[in-house]
């Protein structure tokens, strides 16, 4: 947290170049949507009951493994919803659609069930042949890992070969006999396939997958490394819709009663407009009102006449030692000339702090092995108030409305 002690949390992130911590965004969501967290608690209680019943009541082995995937990815979806992490939310939602379609496939077809389970041996062979991590191991540890992988391959080789004989060479690449869209069409879920393709843009690194993490600000493209609240809004609705359909399909078997869980998810889906409005307000507070400033080259003249260069990151108010730029002798000479005798006497009273100036048009390279430090140790110090919630109970971002549930 030390790095953030140089940020003024008492003003909206839009006025501090969009700099906001994950904890700050999560706190703003919790403040704006207290009812959402109550509904999520109810849903997770139903999930706990479903887990107990599902893994003991479902006899189809492939279906139980797909359920493992779905329940874990739903847990990831909830984490992304409460934190505004839309990129992870998109990935989880995308996976939930695949789990829904695959669950329908293996419960409707004995052959699909067999193919799904048989593909486990193909995965084992792939894992055993990977050189992953071996160059980093040595001695007994390396021998032990090689023996483990040989044993894994030996135990699965016959099963994998038999599966390829039974299902064809293409089985090495995919367990399913038909593609996802065909499977979705067969089970009545093709209408969601275009949404699945949109969500996949995050996983595939497509241009559209950067939704919510870049914007035009004063004619300049600004990229954000952090939450994509636009994607969180999108993933909330779609991910919950896919998981509700999964729960419904599980309930159709009669082995598990999923009606309470479906009803709980219905309430969450009905709350999507409030979630959307809250995250749009938070997003507005996070995006900078002007493009963040670039790094600044700082030349520092010490009382002993020595000059050092520093790479200054103004957004975080931190610095690193930098390599002296080529051809800077004239700049340093002019700086020394500028420093009059009175200025040098002034420096003598600053506890060793140097006289500094920013240098336009110079791009510095941080010195190898140098560490970040607070810029105030070189520059003139200034007080920056801390937000109360960083030391205790969460507080909202300035300007974030709280939903009225009365």
Protein backbone atom coordinates (compact mmCIF):
# COMPACT_ATOMS: atom_id res chain seq x y z
CA UNK A 1 0.00 0.00 0.00
CA UNK A 2 2.97 2.34 0.37
CA UNK A 3 2.88 3.37 -3.26
CA UNK A 4 -0.67 4.68 -2.84
CA UNK A 5 0.20 6.91 0.06
CA UNK A 6 1.18 9.49 -2.53
CA UNK A 7 -2.34 9.69 -3.97
CA UNK A 8 -5.02 12.03 -2.67
CA UNK A 9 -7.99 9.70 -2.13
CA UNK A 10 -10.22 12.54 -0.95
CA UNK A 11 -10.95 13.59 -4.54
CA UNK A 12 -12.53 11.54 -7.38
CA UNK A 13 -10.15 9.43 -9.48
CA UNK A 14 -11.18 11.44 -12.55
CA UNK A 15 -9.29 14.37 -10.98
CA UNK A 16 -6.24 12.25 -10.15
CA UNK A 17 -5.63 10.90 -13.64
CA UNK A 18 -7.99 7.96 -13.16
CA UNK A 19 -5.84 6.32 -10.51
CA UNK A 20 -8.04 4.05 -8.36
CA UNK A 21 -7.21 0.96 -6.34
CA UNK A 22 -9.09 -2.32 -6.64
CA UNK A 23 -10.11 -1.97 -3.00
CA UNK A 24 -11.53 1.46 -3.72
CA UNK A 25 -13.68 0.20 -6.61
CA UNK A 26 -14.92 -2.76 -4.58
CA UNK A 27 -15.80 -0.45 -1.68
CA UNK A 28 -17.72 1.85 -4.02
CA UNK A 29 -19.75 -1.09 -5.39
CA UNK A 30 -20.54 -2.32 -1.88
CA UNK A 31 -21.62 1.17 -0.82
CA UNK A 32 -23.82 1.73 -3.86
CA UNK A 33 -25.43 -1.74 -3.86
CA UNK A 34 -25.93 -3.05 -0.32
CA UNK A 35 -28.92 -5.13 -1.42
CA UNK A 36 -26.81 -6.88 -4.07
CA UNK A 37 -24.50 -8.30 -1.42
CA UNK A 38 -27.48 -9.57 0.58
CA UNK A 39 -28.79 -11.34 -2.53
CA UNK A 40 -25.36 -12.77 -3.26
CA UNK A 41 -25.15 -14.16 0.28
CA UNK A 42 -28.52 -15.89 -0.23
CA UNK A 43 -27.39 -17.26 -3.59
CA UNK A 44 -24.13 -18.64 -2.23
CA UNK A 45 -26.04 -20.41 0.55
CA UNK A 46 -28.15 -22.09 -2.10
CA UNK A 47 -24.98 -22.95 -4.01
CA UNK A 48 -23.61 -24.72 -0.94
CA UNK A 49 -26.76 -26.84 -0.75
CA UNK A 50 -26.58 -27.55 -4.48
CA UNK A 51 -22.97 -28.71 -4.23
CA UNK A 52 -23.83 -31.27 -1.54
CA UNK A 53 -26.77 -32.65 -3.48
CA UNK A 54 -25.23 -32.42 -6.94
CA UNK A 55 -22.07 -34.42 -6.38
CA UNK A 56 -23.94 -37.17 -4.52
CA UNK A 57 -27.11 -37.21 -6.64
CA UNK A 58 -25.73 -37.05 -10.19
CA UNK A 59 -24.68 -40.50 -11.40
CA UNK A 60 -23.46 -39.36 -14.83
CA UNK A 61 -19.70 -39.00 -14.32
CA UNK A 62 -19.19 -36.55 -17.19
CA UNK A 63 -22.05 -34.39 -15.93
CA UNK A 64 -20.55 -34.27 -12.43
CA UNK A 65 -17.17 -33.13 -13.81
CA UNK A 66 -18.85 -30.43 -15.91
CA UNK A 67 -20.67 -29.38 -12.76
CA UNK A 68 -17.31 -29.01 -11.06
CA UNK A 69 -16.28 -26.61 -13.83
CA UNK A 70 -19.55 -24.69 -13.70
CA UNK A 71 -19.62 -24.22 -9.93
CA UNK A 72 -16.01 -23.03 -9.86
CA UNK A 73 -16.54 -20.61 -12.72
CA UNK A 74 -19.71 -19.29 -11.11
CA UNK A 75 -17.62 -18.57 -8.02
CA UNK A 76 -15.20 -16.64 -10.26
CA UNK A 77 -18.12 -14.75 -11.80
CA UNK A 78 -19.31 -13.62 -8.36
CA UNK A 79 -15.80 -12.39 -7.50
CA UNK A 80 -15.75 -10.34 -10.69
CA UNK A 81 -19.23 -8.91 -10.06
CA UNK A 82 -18.37 -7.56 -6.62
CA UNK A 83 -14.99 -6.17 -7.73
CA UNK A 84 -15.92 -4.78 -11.16
CA UNK A 85 -13.33 -7.04 -12.78
CA UNK A 86 -15.10 -7.34 -16.10
CA UNK A 87 -12.33 -9.14 -17.97
CA UNK A 88 -12.39 -12.07 -15.56
CA UNK A 89 -16.18 -11.84 -15.58
CA UNK A 90 -16.23 -12.18 -19.37
CA UNK A 91 -14.01 -15.25 -19.23
CA UNK A 92 -16.13 -16.86 -16.52
CA UNK A 93 -19.37 -16.07 -18.37
CA UNK A 94 -17.98 -17.49 -21.60
CA UNK A 95 -17.02 -20.69 -19.81
CA UNK A 96 -20.44 -20.97 -18.17
CA UNK A 97 -22.06 -21.04 -21.61
CA UNK A 98 -19.78 -23.88 -22.66
CA UNK A 99 -20.51 -25.80 -19.45
CA UNK A 100 -24.26 -25.36 -20.02
CA UNK A 101 -24.07 -26.74 -23.57
CA UNK A 102 -21.68 -29.54 -22.62
CA UNK A 103 -23.85 -30.59 -19.67
CA UNK A 104 -26.83 -30.91 -22.00
CA UNK A 105 -24.70 -32.88 -24.47
CA UNK A 106 -23.38 -35.51 -22.05
CA UNK A 107 -26.73 -36.00 -20.32
CA UNK A 108 -28.52 -36.46 -23.64
CA UNK A 109 -26.04 -38.86 -25.27
CA UNK A 110 -24.33 -41.95 -23.87
CA UNK A 111 -21.67 -41.69 -26.58
CA UNK A 112 -20.96 -38.05 -25.69
CA UNK A 113 -20.62 -39.09 -22.05
CA UNK A 114 -18.12 -41.79 -22.98
CA UNK A 115 -16.15 -39.44 -25.23
CA UNK A 116 -15.96 -36.77 -22.53
CA UNK A 117 -14.54 -39.19 -19.93
CA UNK A 118 -12.21 -40.91 -22.41
CA UNK A 119 -10.59 -37.61 -23.33
CA UNK A 120 -9.08 -37.48 -19.83
CA UNK A 121 -6.41 -39.96 -20.98
CA UNK A 122 -5.54 -37.69 -23.93
CA UNK A 123 -5.02 -34.81 -21.50
CA UNK A 124 -2.81 -36.99 -19.31
CA UNK A 125 -0.60 -37.93 -22.27
CA UNK A 126 -0.28 -34.27 -23.27
CA UNK A 127 0.72 -33.32 -19.73
CA UNK A 128 3.28 -36.12 -19.51
CA UNK A 129 4.98 -35.02 -22.74
CA UNK A 130 5.26 -31.33 -21.85
CA UNK A 131 8.74 -30.06 -20.94
CA UNK A 132 6.99 -27.57 -18.64
CA UNK A 133 9.23 -26.57 -15.75
CA UNK A 134 11.81 -29.32 -16.20
CA UNK A 135 14.72 -26.97 -17.05
CA UNK A 136 14.15 -25.24 -13.72
CA UNK A 137 14.47 -28.42 -11.63
CA UNK A 138 17.72 -30.08 -10.57
CA UNK A 139 19.02 -33.25 -8.97
CA UNK A 140 16.63 -35.52 -7.11
CA UNK A 141 13.73 -33.17 -7.66
CA UNK A 142 14.20 -33.35 -11.44
CA UNK A 143 14.48 -37.16 -11.43
CA UNK A 144 11.36 -37.45 -9.30
CA UNK A 145 9.34 -35.21 -11.64
CA UNK A 146 10.52 -37.08 -14.75
CA UNK A 147 9.55 -40.40 -13.15
CA UNK A 148 6.14 -39.00 -12.21
CA UNK A 149 5.49 -37.95 -15.80
CA UNK A 150 6.66 -41.28 -17.19
CA UNK A 151 4.31 -43.06 -14.80
CA UNK A 152 1.43 -40.78 -15.84
CA UNK A 153 2.06 -41.58 -19.51
CA UNK A 154 2.45 -45.30 -18.86
CA UNK A 155 -0.87 -45.44 -16.99
CA UNK A 156 -2.82 -43.63 -19.71
CA UNK A 157 -1.15 -44.71 -22.96
CA UNK A 158 -3.32 -47.77 -23.60
CA UNK A 159 -6.56 -45.90 -22.79
CA UNK A 160 -5.61 -42.99 -25.04
CA UNK A 161 -4.73 -45.31 -27.93
CA UNK A 162 -8.01 -47.18 -27.53
CA UNK A 163 -9.97 -43.91 -27.49
CA UNK A 164 -8.37 -42.82 -30.76
CA UNK A 165 -9.22 -46.20 -32.31
CA UNK A 166 -12.81 -45.87 -31.10
CA UNK A 167 -13.42 -42.24 -31.99
CA UNK A 168 -10.89 -41.38 -34.71
CA UNK A 169 -7.71 -39.30 -34.91
CA UNK A 170 -9.62 -36.03 -34.51
CA UNK A 171 -10.36 -37.11 -30.95
CA UNK A 172 -6.84 -36.00 -30.01
CA UNK A 173 -7.91 -32.39 -30.59
CA UNK A 174 -11.42 -32.35 -29.09
CA UNK A 175 -13.65 -34.66 -27.12
CA UNK A 176 -16.86 -33.51 -28.82
CA UNK A 177 -18.07 -34.99 -32.07
CA UNK A 178 -19.60 -31.69 -33.22
CA UNK A 179 -18.67 -28.07 -32.63
CA UNK A 180 -20.07 -25.88 -29.88
CA UNK A 181 -22.58 -24.06 -32.08
CA UNK A 182 -24.02 -27.33 -33.37
CA UNK A 183 -24.29 -28.66 -29.83
CA UNK A 184 -25.94 -25.45 -28.67
CA UNK A 185 -28.45 -25.61 -31.54
CA UNK A 186 -29.29 -29.21 -30.68
CA UNK A 187 -30.12 -28.30 -27.09
CA UNK A 188 -31.97 -25.03 -27.69
CA UNK A 189 -29.25 -22.55 -26.70
CA UNK A 190 -28.03 -21.28 -30.06
CA UNK A 191 -29.66 -17.87 -29.43
CA UNK A 192 -26.87 -17.14 -26.93
CA UNK A 193 -24.03 -18.07 -29.28
CA UNK A 194 -23.43 -14.52 -30.52
CA UNK A 195 -23.07 -13.38 -26.91
CA UNK A 196 -20.57 -16.18 -26.39
CA UNK A 197 -18.58 -14.92 -29.40
CA UNK A 198 -18.54 -11.39 -27.95
CA UNK A 199 -17.32 -12.65 -24.59
CA UNK A 200 -14.66 -14.71 -26.36
CA UNK A 201 -13.03 -11.55 -27.70
CA UNK A 202 -11.42 -11.03 -24.28
CA UNK A 203 -9.94 -14.53 -24.28
CA UNK A 204 -8.79 -14.32 -27.89
CA UNK A 205 -7.32 -10.84 -27.53
CA UNK A 206 -9.54 -9.32 -30.21
CA UNK A 207 -9.80 -5.54 -30.55
CA UNK A 208 -13.35 -5.54 -29.16
CA UNK A 209 -12.12 -7.35 -26.06
CA UNK A 210 -10.72 -4.09 -24.66
CA UNK A 211 -14.21 -2.77 -23.97
CA UNK A 212 -14.04 -0.52 -20.91
CA UNK A 213 -10.26 -0.27 -20.74
CA UNK A 214 -9.56 2.40 -23.36
CA UNK A 215 -11.30 5.64 -24.25
CA UNK A 216 -10.80 8.90 -26.12
CA UNK A 217 -10.00 11.72 -23.66
CA UNK A 218 -9.42 15.19 -25.10
CA UNK A 219 -8.50 13.72 -28.46
CA UNK A 220 -6.02 11.21 -27.06
CA UNK A 221 -6.50 7.48 -26.57
CA UNK A 222 -6.11 6.60 -22.89
CA UNK A 223 -5.56 2.96 -21.90
CA UNK A 224 -6.53 1.73 -18.45
CA UNK A 225 -4.84 -1.17 -16.71
CA UNK A 226 -7.40 -2.28 -14.16
CA UNK A 227 -11.15 -2.86 -13.96
CA UNK A 228 -13.37 -2.95 -17.03
CA UNK A 229 -16.70 -1.92 -15.56
CA UNK A 230 -18.37 -2.01 -18.99
CA UNK A 231 -17.49 -5.68 -19.29
CA UNK A 232 -18.58 -6.29 -15.69
CA UNK A 233 -22.03 -4.91 -16.54
CA UNK A 234 -22.22 -7.11 -19.63
CA UNK A 235 -20.89 -10.23 -17.89
CA UNK A 236 -23.20 -9.84 -14.89
CA UNK A 237 -26.33 -10.34 -16.96
CA UNK A 238 -25.01 -12.96 -19.36
CA UNK A 239 -23.08 -15.02 -16.83
CA UNK A 240 -26.03 -15.21 -14.45
CA UNK A 241 -28.32 -16.09 -17.35
CA UNK A 242 -26.07 -18.98 -18.42
CA UNK A 243 -25.70 -20.31 -14.89
CA UNK A 244 -29.45 -20.06 -14.27
CA UNK A 245 -29.99 -22.18 -17.38
CA UNK A 246 -27.39 -24.66 -16.09
CA UNK A 247 -29.19 -24.89 -12.73
CA UNK A 248 -32.48 -25.37 -14.56
CA UNK A 249 -31.00 -28.23 -16.63
CA UNK A 250 -29.66 -29.89 -13.48
CA UNK A 251 -33.10 -29.61 -11.88
CA UNK A 252 -34.74 -31.30 -14.87
CA UNK A 253 -33.00 -34.56 -14.00
CA UNK A 254 -34.98 -34.77 -10.78
CA UNK A 255 -31.91 -35.81 -8.81
CA UNK A 256 -31.39 -32.30 -7.39
CA UNK A 257 -33.96 -29.64 -6.52
CA UNK A 258 -32.59 -26.41 -8.00
CA UNK A 259 -35.78 -24.33 -7.78
CA UNK A 260 -34.60 -22.22 -4.79
CA UNK A 261 -31.30 -21.49 -6.54
CA UNK A 262 -33.04 -20.53 -9.78
CA UNK A 263 -35.32 -18.17 -7.88
CA UNK A 264 -32.35 -16.60 -6.11
CA UNK A 265 -30.59 -16.02 -9.44
CA UNK A 266 -33.80 -14.53 -10.84
CA UNK A 267 -33.65 -11.87 -8.13
CA UNK A 268 -30.04 -11.11 -9.01
CA UNK A 269 -30.94 -10.74 -12.68
CA UNK A 270 -33.82 -8.43 -11.79
CA UNK A 271 -31.27 -6.26 -9.98
CA UNK A 272 -29.16 -5.79 -13.10
CA UNK A 273 -30.47 -2.27 -13.92
CA UNK A 274 -29.35 -1.06 -10.47
CA UNK A 275 -25.97 -2.76 -10.92
CA UNK A 276 -25.61 -1.16 -14.34
CA UNK A 277 -26.44 2.34 -13.05
CA UNK A 278 -24.05 2.05 -10.09
CA UNK A 279 -21.11 0.81 -12.17
CA UNK A 280 -21.69 3.46 -14.81
CA UNK A 281 -21.46 6.12 -12.08
CA UNK A 282 -18.29 4.55 -10.66
CA UNK A 283 -16.79 4.30 -14.14
CA UNK A 284 -17.45 7.97 -14.73
CA UNK A 285 -15.57 8.78 -11.53
CA UNK A 286 -12.63 6.57 -12.48
CA UNK A 287 -11.92 7.71 -16.01
CA UNK A 288 -9.55 10.70 -16.02
CA UNK A 289 -10.96 14.07 -16.99
CA UNK A 290 -7.71 14.77 -18.85
CA UNK A 291 -4.99 12.49 -20.27
CA UNK A 292 -2.50 11.36 -17.60
CA UNK A 293 0.87 13.15 -17.83
CA UNK A 294 3.84 11.22 -19.21
CA UNK A 295 6.94 10.38 -17.16
CA UNK A 296 9.16 13.41 -16.54
CA UNK A 297 12.95 13.71 -16.74
CA UNK A 298 14.29 15.38 -13.58
CA UNK A 299 17.77 16.86 -13.29
CA UNK A 300 18.91 17.31 -9.69
CA UNK A 301 21.83 19.53 -8.60
CA UNK A 302 23.19 18.74 -5.12
CA UNK A 303 25.04 21.23 -2.87
CA UNK A 304 28.38 19.53 -3.67
CA UNK A 305 27.85 20.36 -7.35
CA UNK A 306 27.03 16.81 -8.43
CA UNK A 307 24.12 16.29 -10.84
CA UNK A 308 21.94 13.22 -10.93
CA UNK A 309 19.07 12.29 -13.24
CA UNK A 310 15.76 10.82 -12.06
CA UNK A 311 12.87 9.17 -13.84
CA UNK A 312 9.76 10.77 -12.26
CA UNK A 313 6.28 9.20 -12.44
CA UNK A 314 4.00 12.16 -11.57
CA UNK A 315 0.77 10.16 -11.28
CA UNK A 316 2.12 8.10 -8.38
CA UNK A 317 4.61 10.73 -7.22
CA UNK A 318 7.48 8.24 -7.24
CA UNK A 319 10.98 8.30 -8.77
CA UNK A 320 13.87 6.09 -9.81
CA UNK A 321 17.50 6.80 -10.49
CA UNK A 322 18.06 7.14 -14.23
CA UNK A 323 20.95 6.78 -16.59
CA UNK A 324 22.52 10.03 -17.75
CA UNK A 325 21.12 10.79 -21.21
CA UNK A 326 23.54 11.05 -24.10
CA UNK A 327 24.55 14.59 -25.04
CA UNK A 328 23.37 16.11 -21.75
CA UNK A 329 26.62 17.91 -20.89
CA UNK A 330 25.34 21.27 -22.15
CA UNK A 331 22.11 20.89 -20.17
CA UNK A 332 24.05 20.20 -16.98
CA UNK A 333 26.38 23.13 -17.63
CA UNK A 334 23.44 25.51 -18.14
CA UNK A 335 21.82 24.23 -14.96
CA UNK A 336 24.95 24.90 -12.90
CA UNK A 337 25.18 28.39 -14.40
CA UNK A 338 21.59 29.03 -13.43
CA UNK A 339 22.30 28.04 -9.82
CA UNK A 340 23.55 31.32 -8.33
CA UNK A 341 25.56 31.61 -5.12
CA UNK A 342 22.42 32.50 -3.20
CA UNK A 343 20.71 29.44 -4.57
CA UNK A 344 23.53 27.20 -3.40
CA UNK A 345 23.33 28.72 0.08
CA UNK A 346 19.62 27.99 -0.02
CA UNK A 347 20.42 24.36 -0.82
CA UNK A 348 22.69 24.15 2.22
CA UNK A 349 19.60 24.65 4.39
CA UNK A 350 17.50 21.89 2.74
CA UNK A 351 18.99 18.90 4.53
CA UNK A 352 20.87 17.66 1.50
CA UNK A 353 17.96 17.97 -0.90
CA UNK A 354 18.96 19.09 -4.38
CA UNK A 355 17.74 21.88 -6.61
CA UNK A 356 15.67 20.20 -9.34
CA UNK A 357 14.26 21.02 -12.73
CA UNK A 358 12.19 19.09 -15.26
CA UNK A 359 13.69 18.70 -18.71
CA UNK A 360 11.29 18.69 -21.66
CA UNK A 361 11.89 16.40 -24.62
CA UNK A 362 14.25 14.04 -22.80
CA UNK A 363 13.26 10.39 -22.35
CA UNK A 364 15.19 8.71 -19.56
CA UNK A 365 16.02 5.07 -18.97
CA UNK A 366 15.81 3.95 -15.33
CA UNK A 367 19.17 2.76 -14.03
CA UNK A 368 19.46 -1.05 -13.85
CA UNK A 369 18.79 -2.27 -10.33
CA UNK A 370 17.38 1.07 -9.18
CA UNK A 371 14.31 1.03 -6.93
CA UNK A 372 11.25 3.22 -6.78
CA UNK A 373 11.15 5.70 -3.92
CA UNK A 374 8.91 8.55 -2.82
CA UNK A 375 9.51 11.65 -4.88
CA UNK A 376 9.21 13.80 -1.76
CA UNK A 377 12.63 12.58 -0.67
CA UNK A 378 14.09 14.54 -3.59
CA UNK A 379 11.38 17.05 -4.47
CA UNK A 380 9.82 19.51 -2.05
CA UNK A 381 7.50 17.63 0.31
CA UNK A 382 3.75 18.16 0.26
CA UNK A 383 0.97 16.77 2.39
CA UNK A 384 -1.48 14.37 0.75
CA UNK A 385 -4.53 13.44 2.84
CA UNK A 386 -5.42 9.79 3.13
CA UNK A 387 -8.93 8.39 2.67
CA UNK A 388 -10.40 7.17 5.94
CA UNK A 389 -11.46 3.84 4.48
CA UNK A 390 -7.86 2.82 3.82
CA UNK A 391 -7.34 2.63 7.57
CA UNK A 392 -10.75 1.22 8.49
CA UNK A 393 -14.28 0.87 7.20
CA UNK A 394 -14.72 1.29 3.41
CA UNK A 395 -16.00 4.63 2.17
CA UNK A 396 -17.49 5.33 -1.26
CA UNK A 397 -15.82 7.16 -4.09
CA UNK A 398 -16.89 10.81 -4.11
CA UNK A 399 -20.04 11.34 -6.13
CA UNK A 400 -21.19 7.68 -6.14
CA UNK A 401 -24.94 7.49 -5.36
CA UNK A 402 -26.29 4.86 -3.02
CA UNK A 403 -29.27 2.87 -4.30
CA UNK A 404 -32.53 3.51 -2.47
CA UNK A 405 -34.14 0.18 -1.61
CA UNK A 406 -36.92 1.49 0.63
